[in-house]
Amino acid sequence: MSSRIEWRQVRVIAAKEWRDRLRNRWVLAVALLFAAFALAIAYFGAAQQGEVGFHGIEATIASLASLVIYLVPLIALILGYDAVVGEREKGALDLLLSMPITRTEILLGKYLGLAGALASATVLGFGAGLLPLADELSARAAWHYAGFVGSAILMGMAFLSVSLLVSVRARDRVRASGAAIALWFFYVLVFDLLLMGALVASQGRIGNAWFAALLMLNPADVFRLLNVFSDVQVQAMYGLATVMPQALTDPRVLLAIMLAWIVLPFFLATRSFK
């Protein structure tokens, strides 16, 4: 069988995956969730200070980023953990593999369809969430917010790649779901605690360069840094400028690292699937 990718077959599988998520209301449910949180944080984010209303895109993005780091990885991991192992258990994978289509095309089609569903839900949700406040957004603020939404999609695609790798490697759906939840706990809850613990235990012997390099091992931290260093005002709110090396404060470098997080797990999943 030829190793050349037939994009028509990839599009057919991707379209089926996207339509399945649309048909079972998955896209709508996630979009409504994101819209509700975006609107609530944008309008009521300063309620603890006794104020309501929109108080600037920087504060809104800083608050939304903390929420997105919890939600988007979980949604992406749940979305893709049974993409392969689920069809293997149902017997549909054997039927699909008997057709004139390569394993790379199958996996790529599934990934693109799921990524499309995740991106659609993210754009619709966060776009609709700030739509009532559109009159208060300047062109610069809208561009900054669009960059935040784009970085959230990229983080979701990175965790989706990881979930596909889990789905290919797992023996059954139970193990795949357990691995997906364990990865969410590790990357979202445990990783930063371990890193801070290592910094304290080393009594400062871990320098800024090593600290920054270790942060790159977590796509959730890459997402956080992308949004911190995309704007001077947000950067001042976090105070990370003195900790991070200059090379890793460049959004282009951080974007390249995030793209590597998308490509590498998918490449490993493809090799394992073959």
C-alpha atoms as a PDB file:
ATOM      1  CA  MET A   1       0.000   0.000   0.000  1.00  0.00           C
ATOM      2  CA  SER A   2       1.331   3.449  -0.895  1.00  0.00           C
ATOM      3  CA  SER A   3       2.700   5.643   1.886  1.00  0.00           C
ATOM      4  CA  ARG A   4       1.327   8.732   0.163  1.00  0.00           C
ATOM      5  CA  ILE A   5      -1.530  10.310   2.101  1.00  0.00           C
ATOM      6  CA  GLU A   6      -4.846  10.437   0.262  1.00  0.00           C
ATOM      7  CA  TRP A   7      -6.334  13.647   1.621  1.00  0.00           C
ATOM      8  CA  ARG A   8      -9.798  12.880   0.290  1.00  0.00           C
ATOM      9  CA  GLN A   9     -10.007   9.865   2.610  1.00  0.00           C
ATOM     10  CA  VAL A  10      -8.633  11.931   5.495  1.00  0.00           C
ATOM     11  CA  ARG A  11     -11.352  14.531   4.889  1.00  0.00           C
ATOM     12  CA  VAL A  12     -14.068  11.851   4.886  1.00  0.00           C
ATOM     13  CA  ILE A  13     -12.981  10.492   8.283  1.00  0.00           C
ATOM     14  CA  ALA A  14     -12.480  13.998   9.713  1.00  0.00           C
ATOM     15  CA  ALA A  15     -15.941  15.070   8.552  1.00  0.00           C
ATOM     16  CA  LYS A  16     -17.511  11.971  10.128  1.00  0.00           C
ATOM     17  CA  GLU A  17     -15.812  12.637  13.482  1.00  0.00           C
ATOM     18  CA  TRP A  18     -16.882  16.286  13.408  1.00  0.00           C
ATOM     19  CA  ARG A  19     -20.477  15.449  12.474  1.00  0.00           C
ATOM     20  CA  ASP A  20     -20.671  12.825  15.242  1.00  0.00           C
ATOM     21  CA  ARG A  21     -19.689  15.431  17.856  1.00  0.00           C
ATOM     22  CA  LEU A  22     -22.145  17.902  16.357  1.00  0.00           C
ATOM     23  CA  ARG A  23     -24.949  15.332  16.293  1.00  0.00           C
ATOM     24  CA  ASN A  24     -24.564  14.352  19.933  1.00  0.00           C
ATOM     25  CA  ARG A  25     -24.642  18.039  21.003  1.00  0.00           C
ATOM     26  CA  TRP A  26     -21.046  17.879  22.244  1.00  0.00           C
ATOM     27  CA  VAL A  27     -19.970  21.047  20.423  1.00  0.00           C
ATOM     28  CA  LEU A  28     -23.041  22.954  21.621  1.00  0.00           C
ATOM     29  CA  ALA A  29     -22.613  21.864  25.242  1.00  0.00           C
ATOM     30  CA  VAL A  30     -18.931  22.884  25.403  1.00  0.00           C
ATOM     31  CA  ALA A  31     -19.625  26.164  23.576  1.00  0.00           C
ATOM     32  CA  LEU A  32     -22.368  27.064  26.057  1.00  0.00           C
ATOM     33  CA  LEU A  33     -20.055  26.220  28.965  1.00  0.00           C
ATOM     34  CA  PHE A  34     -17.269  28.449  27.621  1.00  0.00           C
ATOM     35  CA  ALA A  35     -19.703  31.271  26.795  1.00  0.00           C
ATOM     36  CA  ALA A  36     -21.180  31.243  30.304  1.00  0.00           C
ATOM     37  CA  PHE A  37     -17.754  31.365  31.967  1.00  0.00           C
ATOM     38  CA  ALA A  38     -16.418  34.046  29.591  1.00  0.00           C
ATOM     39  CA  LEU A  39     -19.389  36.335  30.171  1.00  0.00           C
ATOM     40  CA  ALA A  40     -19.450  35.761  33.927  1.00  0.00           C
ATOM     41  CA  ILE A  41     -15.732  36.443  34.351  1.00  0.00           C
ATOM     42  CA  ALA A  42     -15.742  39.466  32.041  1.00  0.00           C
ATOM     43  CA  TYR A  43     -18.721  41.086  33.764  1.00  0.00           C
ATOM     44  CA  PHE A  44     -18.507  39.881  37.356  1.00  0.00           C
ATOM     45  CA  GLY A  45     -14.753  39.353  37.688  1.00  0.00           C
ATOM     46  CA  ALA A  46     -14.364  42.369  39.982  1.00  0.00           C
ATOM     47  CA  ALA A  47     -17.374  41.556  42.174  1.00  0.00           C
ATOM     48  CA  GLN A  48     -15.100  40.833  45.159  1.00  0.00           C
ATOM     49  CA  GLN A  49     -14.028  44.487  45.047  1.00  0.00           C
ATOM     50  CA  GLY A  50     -17.660  45.564  45.068  1.00  0.00           C
ATOM     51  CA  GLU A  51     -17.788  46.377  41.346  1.00  0.00           C
ATOM     52  CA  VAL A  52     -19.449  44.800  38.347  1.00  0.00           C
ATOM     53  CA  GLY A  53     -18.960  45.419  34.648  1.00  0.00           C
ATOM     54  CA  PHE A  54     -16.171  45.058  32.119  1.00  0.00           C
ATOM     55  CA  HIS A  55     -12.826  46.275  33.517  1.00  0.00           C
ATOM     56  CA  GLY A  56     -10.428  45.638  30.650  1.00  0.00           C
ATOM     57  CA  ILE A  57      -9.352  42.760  28.479  1.00  0.00           C
ATOM     58  CA  GLU A  58      -6.092  42.165  30.389  1.00  0.00           C
ATOM     59  CA  ALA A  59      -7.824  41.317  33.673  1.00  0.00           C
ATOM     60  CA  THR A  60     -10.427  39.249  31.816  1.00  0.00           C
ATOM     61  CA  ILE A  61      -7.789  37.186  29.988  1.00  0.00           C
ATOM     62  CA  ALA A  62      -5.769  36.673  33.179  1.00  0.00           C
ATOM     63  CA  SER A  63      -8.856  35.260  34.915  1.00  0.00           C
ATOM     64  CA  LEU A  64     -10.016  33.217  31.910  1.00  0.00           C
ATOM     65  CA  ALA A  65      -6.538  31.725  31.422  1.00  0.00           C
ATOM     66  CA  SER A  66      -6.635  30.237  34.926  1.00  0.00           C
ATOM     67  CA  LEU A  67      -9.991  28.650  34.132  1.00  0.00           C
ATOM     68  CA  VAL A  68      -9.023  27.446  30.660  1.00  0.00           C
ATOM     69  CA  ILE A  69      -5.976  25.614  32.023  1.00  0.00           C
ATOM     70  CA  TYR A  70      -8.349  23.384  33.994  1.00  0.00           C
ATOM     71  CA  LEU A  71     -11.134  22.943  31.453  1.00  0.00           C
ATOM     72  CA  VAL A  72      -9.571  22.656  27.998  1.00  0.00           C
ATOM     73  CA  PRO A  73      -7.041  19.871  28.799  1.00  0.00           C
ATOM     74  CA  LEU A  74      -9.775  17.833  30.500  1.00  0.00           C
ATOM     75  CA  ILE A  75     -12.168  18.283  27.567  1.00  0.00           C
ATOM     76  CA  ALA A  76      -9.458  17.418  25.020  1.00  0.00           C
ATOM     77  CA  LEU A  77      -8.343  14.294  26.891  1.00  0.00           C
ATOM     78  CA  ILE A  78     -11.924  13.066  27.305  1.00  0.00           C
ATOM     79  CA  LEU A  79     -12.646  13.843  23.657  1.00  0.00           C
ATOM     80  CA  GLY A  80      -9.861  11.679  22.251  1.00  0.00           C
ATOM     81  CA  TYR A  81      -9.135   8.909  24.733  1.00  0.00           C
ATOM     82  CA  ASP A  82     -11.438   6.346  23.032  1.00  0.00           C
ATOM     83  CA  ALA A  83     -10.973   7.482  19.427  1.00  0.00           C
ATOM     84  CA  VAL A  84      -9.036   4.300  18.556  1.00  0.00           C
ATOM     85  CA  VAL A  85      -9.455   1.900  21.455  1.00  0.00           C
ATOM     86  CA  GLY A  86     -13.218   2.469  21.491  1.00  0.00           C
ATOM     87  CA  GLU A  87     -13.562   1.481  17.836  1.00  0.00           C
ATOM     88  CA  ARG A  88     -11.266  -1.493  18.425  1.00  0.00           C
ATOM     89  CA  GLU A  89     -13.549  -2.778  21.185  1.00  0.00           C
ATOM     90  CA  LYS A  90     -16.654  -2.315  19.020  1.00  0.00           C
ATOM     91  CA  GLY A  91     -15.028  -4.135  16.094  1.00  0.00           C
ATOM     92  CA  ALA A  92     -15.378  -1.120  13.800  1.00  0.00           C
ATOM     93  CA  LEU A  93     -11.615  -0.662  13.563  1.00  0.00           C
ATOM     94  CA  ASP A  94     -11.085  -4.053  11.911  1.00  0.00           C
ATOM     95  CA  LEU A  95     -13.661  -3.166   9.281  1.00  0.00           C
ATOM     96  CA  LEU A  96     -12.009   0.200   8.673  1.00  0.00           C
ATOM     97  CA  LEU A  97      -8.546  -1.342   8.374  1.00  0.00           C
ATOM     98  CA  SER A  98      -9.823  -3.844   5.801  1.00  0.00           C
ATOM     99  CA  MET A  99     -10.530  -0.965   3.428  1.00  0.00           C
ATOM    100  CA  PRO A 100      -7.942   0.641   1.095  1.00  0.00           C
ATOM    101  CA  ILE A 101      -6.907   3.260   3.624  1.00  0.00           C
ATOM    102  CA  THR A 102      -3.694   3.609   5.594  1.00  0.00           C
ATOM    103  CA  ARG A 103      -3.423   3.773   9.354  1.00  0.00           C
ATOM    104  CA  THR A 104      -1.876   7.241   9.063  1.00  0.00           C
ATOM    105  CA  GLU A 105      -4.909   8.462   7.139  1.00  0.00           C
ATOM    106  CA  ILE A 106      -7.264   6.986   9.735  1.00  0.00           C
ATOM    107  CA  LEU A 107      -5.449   8.587  12.657  1.00  0.00           C
ATOM    108  CA  LEU A 108      -4.968  11.918  10.884  1.00  0.00           C
ATOM    109  CA  GLY A 109      -8.634  12.033   9.907  1.00  0.00           C
ATOM    110  CA  LYS A 110      -9.749  11.296  13.443  1.00  0.00           C
ATOM    111  CA  TYR A 111      -7.395  13.901  14.868  1.00  0.00           C
ATOM    112  CA  LEU A 112      -8.455  16.636  12.450  1.00  0.00           C
ATOM    113  CA  GLY A 113     -12.150  15.906  13.005  1.00  0.00           C
ATOM    114  CA  LEU A 114     -11.810  15.993  16.791  1.00  0.00           C
ATOM    115  CA  ALA A 115      -9.580  19.074  16.652  1.00  0.00           C
ATOM    116  CA  GLY A 116     -12.168  20.766  14.439  1.00  0.00           C
ATOM    117  CA  ALA A 117     -14.912  20.011  16.959  1.00  0.00           C
ATOM    118  CA  LEU A 118     -12.796  21.323  19.825  1.00  0.00           C
ATOM    119  CA  ALA A 119     -11.838  24.473  17.900  1.00  0.00           C
ATOM    120  CA  SER A 120     -15.455  25.108  16.866  1.00  0.00           C
ATOM    121  CA  ALA A 121     -16.690  24.827  20.450  1.00  0.00           C
ATOM    122  CA  THR A 122     -13.883  27.081  21.731  1.00  0.00           C
ATOM    123  CA  VAL A 123     -14.389  29.824  19.132  1.00  0.00           C
ATOM    124  CA  LEU A 124     -18.187  29.763  19.427  1.00  0.00           C
ATOM    125  CA  GLY A 125     -18.119  29.706  23.217  1.00  0.00           C
ATOM    126  CA  PHE A 126     -15.553  32.395  23.908  1.00  0.00           C
ATOM    127  CA  GLY A 127     -16.773  34.492  20.982  1.00  0.00           C
ATOM    128  CA  ALA A 128     -20.388  34.405  22.122  1.00  0.00           C
ATOM    129  CA  GLY A 129     -19.327  34.999  25.719  1.00  0.00           C
ATOM    130  CA  LEU A 130     -17.913  38.445  24.977  1.00  0.00           C
ATOM    131  CA  LEU A 131     -20.414  39.357  22.269  1.00  0.00           C
ATOM    132  CA  PRO A 132     -22.606  41.376  24.685  1.00  0.00           C
ATOM    133  CA  LEU A 133     -19.494  43.423  25.588  1.00  0.00           C
ATOM    134  CA  ALA A 134     -18.383  43.982  21.984  1.00  0.00           C
ATOM    135  CA  ASP A 135     -19.075  47.744  22.148  1.00  0.00           C
ATOM    136  CA  GLU A 136     -16.568  48.081  24.996  1.00  0.00           C
ATOM    137  CA  LEU A 137     -13.745  46.276  23.159  1.00  0.00           C
ATOM    138  CA  SER A 138     -11.182  48.268  21.193  1.00  0.00           C
ATOM    139  CA  ALA A 139      -9.570  46.793  18.089  1.00  0.00           C
ATOM    140  CA  ARG A 140      -6.385  46.082  20.069  1.00  0.00           C
ATOM    141  CA  ALA A 141      -8.355  44.371  22.854  1.00  0.00           C
ATOM    142  CA  ALA A 142     -10.269  42.255  20.335  1.00  0.00           C
ATOM    143  CA  TRP A 143      -6.994  41.201  18.683  1.00  0.00           C
ATOM    144  CA  HIS A 144      -5.491  40.309  22.076  1.00  0.00           C
ATOM    145  CA  TYR A 145      -8.578  38.287  22.967  1.00  0.00           C
ATOM    146  CA  ALA A 146      -8.452  36.472  19.616  1.00  0.00           C
ATOM    147  CA  GLY A 147      -4.849  35.531  20.379  1.00  0.00           C
ATOM    148  CA  PHE A 148      -5.931  34.142  23.744  1.00  0.00           C
ATOM    149  CA  VAL A 149      -8.646  32.023  22.102  1.00  0.00           C
ATOM    150  CA  GLY A 150      -6.154  30.800  19.489  1.00  0.00           C
ATOM    151  CA  SER A 151      -3.659  29.775  22.179  1.00  0.00           C
ATOM    152  CA  ALA A 152      -6.433  27.915  24.035  1.00  0.00           C
ATOM    153  CA  ILE A 153      -7.197  25.978  20.844  1.00  0.00           C
ATOM    154  CA  LEU A 154      -3.512  25.108  20.410  1.00  0.00           C
ATOM    155  CA  MET A 155      -3.310  23.848  23.996  1.00  0.00           C
ATOM    156  CA  GLY A 156      -6.400  21.747  23.378  1.00  0.00           C
ATOM    157  CA  MET A 157      -4.834  20.307  20.226  1.00  0.00           C
ATOM    158  CA  ALA A 158      -1.682  19.430  22.196  1.00  0.00           C
ATOM    159  CA  PHE A 159      -3.663  17.501  24.806  1.00  0.00           C
ATOM    160  CA  LEU A 160      -5.734  15.945  22.039  1.00  0.00           C
ATOM    161  CA  SER A 161      -2.510  14.566  20.524  1.00  0.00           C
ATOM    162  CA  VAL A 162      -1.605  13.132  23.923  1.00  0.00           C
ATOM    163  CA  SER A 163      -5.062  11.555  24.234  1.00  0.00           C
ATOM    164  CA  LEU A 164      -4.757   9.926  20.800  1.00  0.00           C
ATOM    165  CA  LEU A 165      -1.432   8.424  21.873  1.00  0.00           C
ATOM    166  CA  VAL A 166      -3.173   7.050  24.966  1.00  0.00           C
ATOM    167  CA  SER A 167      -6.009   5.676  22.826  1.00  0.00           C
ATOM    168  CA  VAL A 168      -3.605   3.885  20.502  1.00  0.00           C
ATOM    169  CA  ARG A 169      -1.521   2.395  23.302  1.00  0.00           C
ATOM    170  CA  ALA A 170      -4.325   1.394  25.710  1.00  0.00           C
ATOM    171  CA  ARG A 171      -5.635  -2.158  25.784  1.00  0.00           C
ATOM    172  CA  ASP A 172      -9.230  -1.155  26.530  1.00  0.00           C
ATOM    173  CA  ARG A 173     -11.422   1.887  27.159  1.00  0.00           C
ATOM    174  CA  VAL A 174     -11.249   1.544  30.942  1.00  0.00           C
ATOM    175  CA  ARG A 175      -7.463   1.765  30.960  1.00  0.00           C
ATOM    176  CA  ALA A 176      -7.575   4.583  28.398  1.00  0.00           C
ATOM    177  CA  SER A 177      -9.998   6.645  30.482  1.00  0.00           C
ATOM    178  CA  GLY A 178      -7.931   6.071  33.612  1.00  0.00           C
ATOM    179  CA  ALA A 179      -4.754   7.147  31.827  1.00  0.00           C
ATOM    180  CA  ALA A 180      -6.480  10.267  30.449  1.00  0.00           C
ATOM    181  CA  ILE A 181      -7.667  11.361  33.905  1.00  0.00           C
ATOM    182  CA  ALA A 182      -4.256  10.588  35.412  1.00  0.00           C
ATOM    183  CA  LEU A 183      -2.557  12.730  32.763  1.00  0.00           C
ATOM    184  CA  TRP A 184      -4.957  15.571  33.486  1.00  0.00           C
ATOM    185  CA  PHE A 185      -4.151  15.411  37.197  1.00  0.00           C
ATOM    186  CA  PHE A 186      -0.433  15.302  36.469  1.00  0.00           C
ATOM    187  CA  TYR A 187      -0.199  18.152  33.981  1.00  0.00           C
ATOM    188  CA  VAL A 188      -2.812  20.460  35.505  1.00  0.00           C
ATOM    189  CA  LEU A 189      -2.553  19.818  39.245  1.00  0.00           C
ATOM    190  CA  VAL A 190       0.621  17.928  40.121  1.00  0.00           C
ATOM    191  CA  PHE A 191       3.316  19.131  37.703  1.00  0.00           C
ATOM    192  CA  ASP A 192       3.654  22.672  39.053  1.00  0.00           C
ATOM    193  CA  LEU A 193       3.534  21.428  42.655  1.00  0.00           C
ATOM    194  CA  LEU A 194       6.395  19.015  41.938  1.00  0.00           C
ATOM    195  CA  LEU A 195       8.348  21.759  40.215  1.00  0.00           C
ATOM    196  CA  MET A 196       7.903  24.179  43.115  1.00  0.00           C
ATOM    197  CA  GLY A 197       8.805  21.422  45.553  1.00  0.00           C
ATOM    198  CA  ALA A 198      12.005  20.723  43.622  1.00  0.00           C
ATOM    199  CA  LEU A 199      12.867  24.420  43.663  1.00  0.00           C
ATOM    200  CA  VAL A 200      12.393  24.618  47.437  1.00  0.00           C
ATOM    201  CA  ALA A 201      14.270  21.367  48.088  1.00  0.00           C
ATOM    202  CA  SER A 202      17.204  22.496  45.934  1.00  0.00           C
ATOM    203  CA  GLN A 203      17.453  25.737  47.965  1.00  0.00           C
ATOM    204  CA  GLY A 204      17.833  27.806  44.832  1.00  0.00           C
ATOM    205  CA  ARG A 205      20.373  25.575  43.080  1.00  0.00           C
ATOM    206  CA  ILE A 206      17.945  25.142  40.175  1.00  0.00           C
ATOM    207  CA  GLY A 207      18.593  28.270  38.139  1.00  0.00           C
ATOM    208  CA  ASN A 208      16.167  30.273  36.057  1.00  0.00           C
ATOM    209  CA  ALA A 209      17.255  28.541  32.841  1.00  0.00           C
ATOM    210  CA  TRP A 210      16.510  25.070  34.233  1.00  0.00           C
ATOM    211  CA  PHE A 211      13.247  26.271  35.758  1.00  0.00           C
ATOM    212  CA  ALA A 212      12.123  27.694  32.398  1.00  0.00           C
ATOM    213  CA  ALA A 213      13.184  24.536  30.546  1.00  0.00           C
ATOM    214  CA  LEU A 214      11.162  22.374  32.925  1.00  0.00           C
ATOM    215  CA  LEU A 215       8.098  24.560  32.364  1.00  0.00           C
ATOM    216  CA  MET A 216       8.313  23.722  28.661  1.00  0.00           C
ATOM    217  CA  LEU A 217       7.589  20.073  29.542  1.00  0.00           C
ATOM    218  CA  ASN A 218       3.974  21.010  30.291  1.00  0.00           C
ATOM    219  CA  PRO A 219       1.741  22.371  27.487  1.00  0.00           C
ATOM    220  CA  ALA A 220      -0.505  23.992  30.104  1.00  0.00           C
ATOM    221  CA  ASP A 221       2.460  26.065  31.336  1.00  0.00           C
ATOM    222  CA  VAL A 222       3.393  26.933  27.748  1.00  0.00           C
ATOM    223  CA  PHE A 223      -0.171  28.206  27.272  1.00  0.00           C
ATOM    224  CA  ARG A 224       0.088  30.291  30.444  1.00  0.00           C
ATOM    225  CA  LEU A 225       3.390  31.814  29.342  1.00  0.00           C
ATOM    226  CA  LEU A 226       2.057  32.522  25.853  1.00  0.00           C
ATOM    227  CA  ASN A 227      -0.652  34.680  27.373  1.00  0.00           C
ATOM    228  CA  VAL A 228       1.610  36.276  29.963  1.00  0.00           C
ATOM    229  CA  PHE A 229       4.246  37.428  27.504  1.00  0.00           C
ATOM    230  CA  SER A 230       1.836  38.434  24.747  1.00  0.00           C
ATOM    231  CA  ASP A 231       1.031  41.682  26.539  1.00  0.00           C
ATOM    232  CA  VAL A 232       3.155  43.984  28.729  1.00  0.00           C
ATOM    233  CA  GLN A 233       0.326  44.739  31.155  1.00  0.00           C
ATOM    234  CA  VAL A 234      -0.498  41.069  31.703  1.00  0.00           C
ATOM    235  CA  GLN A 235       3.213  40.341  32.113  1.00  0.00           C
ATOM    236  CA  ALA A 236       3.392  42.916  34.911  1.00  0.00           C
ATOM    237  CA  MET A 237       0.437  41.254  36.665  1.00  0.00           C
ATOM    238  CA  TYR A 238       2.298  37.913  36.871  1.00  0.00           C
ATOM    239  CA  GLY A 239       5.799  39.236  37.513  1.00  0.00           C
ATOM    240  CA  LEU A 240       7.556  36.472  35.563  1.00  0.00           C
ATOM    241  CA  ALA A 241       9.849  38.719  33.537  1.00  0.00           C
ATOM    242  CA  THR A 242      12.676  38.418  36.069  1.00  0.00           C
ATOM    243  CA  VAL A 243      12.426  34.608  36.212  1.00  0.00           C
ATOM    244  CA  MET A 244      12.207  33.594  32.558  1.00  0.00           C
ATOM    245  CA  PRO A 245      15.229  33.767  30.220  1.00  0.00           C
ATOM    246  CA  GLN A 246      14.812  36.312  27.433  1.00  0.00           C
ATOM    247  CA  ALA A 247      14.656  33.629  24.721  1.00  0.00           C
ATOM    248  CA  LEU A 248      11.606  32.019  26.324  1.00  0.00           C
ATOM    249  CA  THR A 249       9.698  35.270  26.642  1.00  0.00           C
ATOM    250  CA  ASP A 250       9.362  35.492  22.857  1.00  0.00           C
ATOM    251  CA  PRO A 251       5.807  34.442  21.886  1.00  0.00           C
ATOM    252  CA  ARG A 252       7.187  32.989  18.630  1.00  0.00           C
ATOM    253  CA  VAL A 253       9.455  30.609  20.543  1.00  0.00           C
ATOM    254  CA  LEU A 254       6.625  29.623  22.875  1.00  0.00           C
ATOM    255  CA  LEU A 255       4.353  29.094  19.875  1.00  0.00           C
ATOM    256  CA  ALA A 256       6.953  26.794  18.288  1.00  0.00           C
ATOM    257  CA  ILE A 257       7.164  24.768  21.515  1.00  0.00           C
ATOM    258  CA  MET A 258       3.377  24.444  21.617  1.00  0.00           C
ATOM    259  CA  LEU A 259       3.365  23.250  17.988  1.00  0.00           C
ATOM    260  CA  ALA A 260       6.005  20.670  18.953  1.00  0.00           C
ATOM    261  CA  TRP A 261       3.638  19.450  21.673  1.00  0.00           C
ATOM    262  CA  ILE A 262       0.996  18.963  18.982  1.00  0.00           C
ATOM    263  CA  VAL A 263       3.226  17.207  16.462  1.00  0.00           C
ATOM    264  CA  LEU A 264       5.385  14.925  18.627  1.00  0.00           C
ATOM    265  CA  PRO A 265       2.649  12.966  20.482  1.00  0.00           C
ATOM    266  CA  PHE A 266       0.744  12.574  17.209  1.00  0.00           C
ATOM    267  CA  PHE A 267       3.907  11.283  15.512  1.00  0.00           C
ATOM    268  CA  LEU A 268       4.420   8.760  18.326  1.00  0.00           C
ATOM    269  CA  ALA A 269       0.762   7.728  18.106  1.00  0.00           C
ATOM    270  CA  THR A 270       1.121   7.184  14.353  1.00  0.00           C
ATOM    271  CA  ARG A 271       4.229   5.020  14.784  1.00  0.00           C
ATOM    272  CA  SER A 272       2.538   2.993  17.511  1.00  0.00           C
ATOM    273  CA  PHE A 273      -0.633   2.587  15.445  1.00  0.00           C
ATOM    274  CA  LYS A 274       1.360   1.268  12.515  1.00  0.00           C
END
